[in-house]
PDB file of N, CA and C in Angstrom:
ATOM      1  N   MET A   1      12.129  -5.789  13.412  1.00  0.00           N
ATOM      2  CA  MET A   1      12.883  -6.235  12.273  1.00  0.00           C
ATOM      3  C   MET A   1      12.314  -5.561  11.016  1.00  0.00           C
ATOM      4  N   PRO A   2      13.155  -4.934  10.216  1.00  0.00           N
ATOM      5  CA  PRO A   2      12.659  -4.262   9.008  1.00  0.00           C
ATOM      6  C   PRO A   2      12.211  -5.271   7.957  1.00  0.00           C
ATOM      7  N   TYR A   3      11.291  -4.814   7.141  1.00  0.00           N
ATOM      8  CA  TYR A   3      10.781  -5.654   6.056  1.00  0.00           C
ATOM      9  C   TYR A   3      11.826  -5.779   4.963  1.00  0.00           C
ATOM     10  N   ARG A   4      12.011  -6.964   4.456  1.00  0.00           N
ATOM     11  CA  ARG A   4      12.984  -7.180   3.386  1.00  0.00           C
ATOM     12  C   ARG A   4      12.246  -7.388   2.060  1.00  0.00           C
ATOM     13  N   TRP A   5      12.576  -6.559   1.088  1.00  0.00           N
ATOM     14  CA  TRP A   5      11.974  -6.660  -0.235  1.00  0.00           C
ATOM     15  C   TRP A   5      12.668  -7.761  -1.027  1.00  0.00           C
ATOM     16  N   THR A   6      11.860  -8.535  -1.711  1.00  0.00           N
ATOM     17  CA  THR A   6      12.403  -9.570  -2.592  1.00  0.00           C
ATOM     18  C   THR A   6      11.937  -9.281  -4.021  1.00  0.00           C
ATOM     19  N   GLN A   7      12.543  -9.918  -4.973  1.00  0.00           N
ATOM     20  CA  GLN A   7      12.133  -9.745  -6.367  1.00  0.00           C
ATOM     21  C   GLN A   7      10.677 -10.174  -6.557  1.00  0.00           C
ATOM     22  N   SER A   8      10.243 -11.185  -5.822  1.00  0.00           N
ATOM     23  CA  SER A   8       8.868 -11.649  -5.904  1.00  0.00           C
ATOM     24  C   SER A   8       7.900 -10.573  -5.423  1.00  0.00           C
ATOM     25  N   ASN A   9       8.248  -9.900  -4.308  1.00  0.00           N
ATOM     26  CA  ASN A   9       7.401  -8.822  -3.801  1.00  0.00           C
ATOM     27  C   ASN A   9       7.280  -7.697  -4.821  1.00  0.00           C
ATOM     28  N   ILE A  10       8.397  -7.305  -5.386  1.00  0.00           N
ATOM     29  CA  ILE A  10       8.410  -6.208  -6.348  1.00  0.00           C
ATOM     30  C   ILE A  10       7.615  -6.585  -7.597  1.00  0.00           C
ATOM     31  N   HIS A  11       7.778  -7.811  -8.046  1.00  0.00           N
ATOM     32  CA  HIS A  11       7.028  -8.273  -9.221  1.00  0.00           C
ATOM     33  C   HIS A  11       5.524  -8.250  -8.946  1.00  0.00           C
ATOM     34  N   ASP A  12       5.102  -8.726  -7.788  1.00  0.00           N
ATOM     35  CA  ASP A  12       3.684  -8.759  -7.444  1.00  0.00           C
ATOM     36  C   ASP A  12       3.096  -7.344  -7.400  1.00  0.00           C
ATOM     37  N   ILE A  13       3.831  -6.400  -6.845  1.00  0.00           N
ATOM     38  CA  ILE A  13       3.346  -5.020  -6.778  1.00  0.00           C
ATOM     39  C   ILE A  13       3.229  -4.427  -8.177  1.00  0.00           C
ATOM     40  N   ASN A  14       4.180  -4.704  -9.026  1.00  0.00           N
ATOM     41  CA  ASN A  14       4.127  -4.185 -10.398  1.00  0.00           C
ATOM     42  C   ASN A  14       2.979  -4.774 -11.202  1.00  0.00           C
ATOM     43  N   GLU A  15       2.478  -5.930 -10.818  1.00  0.00           N
ATOM     44  CA  GLU A  15       1.397  -6.580 -11.534  1.00  0.00           C
ATOM     45  C   GLU A  15       0.002  -6.176 -11.038  1.00  0.00           C
ATOM     46  N   TRP A  16      -0.069  -5.354  -9.980  1.00  0.00           N
ATOM     47  CA  TRP A  16      -1.378  -4.914  -9.486  1.00  0.00           C
ATOM     48  C   TRP A  16      -2.115  -4.149 -10.567  1.00  0.00           C
ATOM     49  N   LEU A  17      -3.419  -4.350 -10.625  1.00  0.00           N
ATOM     50  CA  LEU A  17      -4.246  -3.590 -11.552  1.00  0.00           C
ATOM     51  C   LEU A  17      -4.517  -2.211 -10.967  1.00  0.00           C
ATOM     52  N   VAL A  18      -4.498  -1.220 -11.807  1.00  0.00           N
ATOM     53  CA  VAL A  18      -4.752   0.154 -11.365  1.00  0.00           C
ATOM     54  C   VAL A  18      -6.237   0.443 -11.521  1.00  0.00           C
ATOM     55  N   SER A  19      -6.863   0.870 -10.442  1.00  0.00           N
ATOM     56  CA  SER A  19      -8.280   1.195 -10.475  1.00  0.00           C
ATOM     57  C   SER A  19      -8.469   2.597 -11.036  1.00  0.00           C
ATOM     58  N   LYS A  20      -9.478   2.753 -11.860  1.00  0.00           N
ATOM     59  CA  LYS A  20      -9.772   4.061 -12.425  1.00  0.00           C
ATOM     60  C   LYS A  20     -11.067   4.636 -11.852  1.00  0.00           C
ATOM     61  N   LYS A  21     -11.654   3.954 -10.882  1.00  0.00           N
ATOM     62  CA  LYS A  21     -12.870   4.450 -10.250  1.00  0.00           C
ATOM     63  C   LYS A  21     -12.485   5.305  -9.044  1.00  0.00           C
ATOM     64  N   VAL A  22     -13.014   6.502  -8.996  1.00  0.00           N
ATOM     65  CA  VAL A  22     -12.672   7.440  -7.936  1.00  0.00           C
ATOM     66  C   VAL A  22     -13.048   6.891  -6.572  1.00  0.00           C
ATOM     67  N   SER A  23     -14.194   6.242  -6.462  1.00  0.00           N
ATOM     68  CA  SER A  23     -14.634   5.737  -5.160  1.00  0.00           C
ATOM     69  C   SER A  23     -13.677   4.681  -4.609  1.00  0.00           C
ATOM     70  N   LYS A  24     -13.125   3.832  -5.467  1.00  0.00           N
ATOM     71  CA  LYS A  24     -12.175   2.822  -5.001  1.00  0.00           C
ATOM     72  C   LYS A  24     -10.861   3.456  -4.570  1.00  0.00           C
ATOM     73  N   LEU A  25     -10.431   4.490  -5.283  1.00  0.00           N
ATOM     74  CA  LEU A  25      -9.207   5.188  -4.901  1.00  0.00           C
ATOM     75  C   LEU A  25      -9.395   5.921  -3.577  1.00  0.00           C
ATOM     76  N   GLN A  26     -10.563   6.542  -3.385  1.00  0.00           N
ATOM     77  CA  GLN A  26     -10.842   7.231  -2.124  1.00  0.00           C
ATOM     78  C   GLN A  26     -10.844   6.241  -0.969  1.00  0.00           C
ATOM     79  N   PHE A  27     -11.418   5.062  -1.175  1.00  0.00           N
ATOM     80  CA  PHE A  27     -11.425   4.030  -0.139  1.00  0.00           C
ATOM     81  C   PHE A  27     -10.007   3.598   0.209  1.00  0.00           C
ATOM     82  N   PHE A  28      -9.180   3.375  -0.817  1.00  0.00           N
ATOM     83  CA  PHE A  28      -7.794   2.959  -0.591  1.00  0.00           C
ATOM     84  C   PHE A  28      -7.026   4.023   0.190  1.00  0.00           C
ATOM     85  N   PHE A  29      -7.131   5.277  -0.222  1.00  0.00           N
ATOM     86  CA  PHE A  29      -6.404   6.338   0.471  1.00  0.00           C
ATOM     87  C   PHE A  29      -6.933   6.556   1.880  1.00  0.00           C
ATOM     88  N   GLY A  30      -8.218   6.291   2.101  1.00  0.00           N
ATOM     89  CA  GLY A  30      -8.765   6.358   3.449  1.00  0.00           C
ATOM     90  C   GLY A  30      -8.139   5.309   4.350  1.00  0.00           C
ATOM     91  N   LEU A  31      -7.963   4.097   3.843  1.00  0.00           N
ATOM     92  CA  LEU A  31      -7.307   3.041   4.623  1.00  0.00           C
ATOM     93  C   LEU A  31      -5.855   3.389   4.903  1.00  0.00           C
ATOM     94  N   VAL A  32      -5.172   3.908   3.904  1.00  0.00           N
ATOM     95  CA  VAL A  32      -3.766   4.294   4.090  1.00  0.00           C
ATOM     96  C   VAL A  32      -3.660   5.362   5.165  1.00  0.00           C
ATOM     97  N   ASN A  33      -4.537   6.343   5.107  1.00  0.00           N
ATOM     98  CA  ASN A  33      -4.520   7.423   6.086  1.00  0.00           C
ATOM     99  C   ASN A  33      -4.812   6.893   7.492  1.00  0.00           C
ATOM    100  N   TYR A  34      -5.738   5.958   7.610  1.00  0.00           N
ATOM    101  CA  TYR A  34      -6.088   5.393   8.915  1.00  0.00           C
ATOM    102  C   TYR A  34      -4.911   4.625   9.515  1.00  0.00           C
ATOM    103  N   TYR A  35      -4.283   3.752   8.725  1.00  0.00           N
ATOM    104  CA  TYR A  35      -3.200   2.915   9.250  1.00  0.00           C
ATOM    105  C   TYR A  35      -1.883   3.659   9.379  1.00  0.00           C
ATOM    106  N   TYR A  36      -1.751   4.821   8.750  1.00  0.00           N
ATOM    107  CA  TYR A  36      -0.516   5.604   8.824  1.00  0.00           C
ATOM    108  C   TYR A  36      -0.166   5.951  10.258  1.00  0.00           C
ATOM    109  N   LYS A  37      -1.171   6.267  11.066  1.00  0.00           N
ATOM    110  CA  LYS A  37      -0.891   6.657  12.447  1.00  0.00           C
ATOM    111  C   LYS A  37      -0.331   5.502  13.272  1.00  0.00           C
ATOM    112  N   PHE A  38      -0.596   4.264  12.859  1.00  0.00           N
ATOM    113  CA  PHE A  38      -0.080   3.114  13.600  1.00  0.00           C
ATOM    114  C   PHE A  38       1.358   2.789  13.225  1.00  0.00           C
ATOM    115  N   VAL A  39       1.759   3.067  12.006  1.00  0.00           N
ATOM    116  CA  VAL A  39       3.096   2.723  11.553  1.00  0.00           C
ATOM    117  C   VAL A  39       4.005   3.936  11.426  1.00  0.00           C
ATOM    118  N   GLN A  40       3.523   5.099  11.765  1.00  0.00           N
ATOM    119  CA  GLN A  40       4.268   6.335  11.595  1.00  0.00           C
ATOM    120  C   GLN A  40       5.629   6.281  12.300  1.00  0.00           C
ATOM    121  N   GLY A  41       5.681   5.798  13.521  1.00  0.00           N
ATOM    122  CA  GLY A  41       6.936   5.750  14.254  1.00  0.00           C
ATOM    123  C   GLY A  41       7.813   4.576  13.870  1.00  0.00           C
ATOM    124  N   ASP A  42       7.276   3.610  13.123  1.00  0.00           N
ATOM    125  CA  ASP A  42       8.032   2.408  12.762  1.00  0.00           C
ATOM    126  C   ASP A  42       8.773   2.527  11.452  1.00  0.00           C
ATOM    127  N   SER A  43       8.527   3.576  10.703  1.00  0.00           N
ATOM    128  CA  SER A  43       9.172   3.687   9.383  1.00  0.00           C
ATOM    129  C   SER A  43      10.510   4.372   9.454  1.00  0.00           C
TER     130      SER A  43
END
């Protein structure tokens, strides 16, 4: 079943704080890269 976006979801994402520390961004992109292989066929 595909994920359904709601106004609440979109609002919450827009309210996320943006990190300006390189190490935190590298960690985030590392997680995205790791989990990408699991969801690659589902998108």
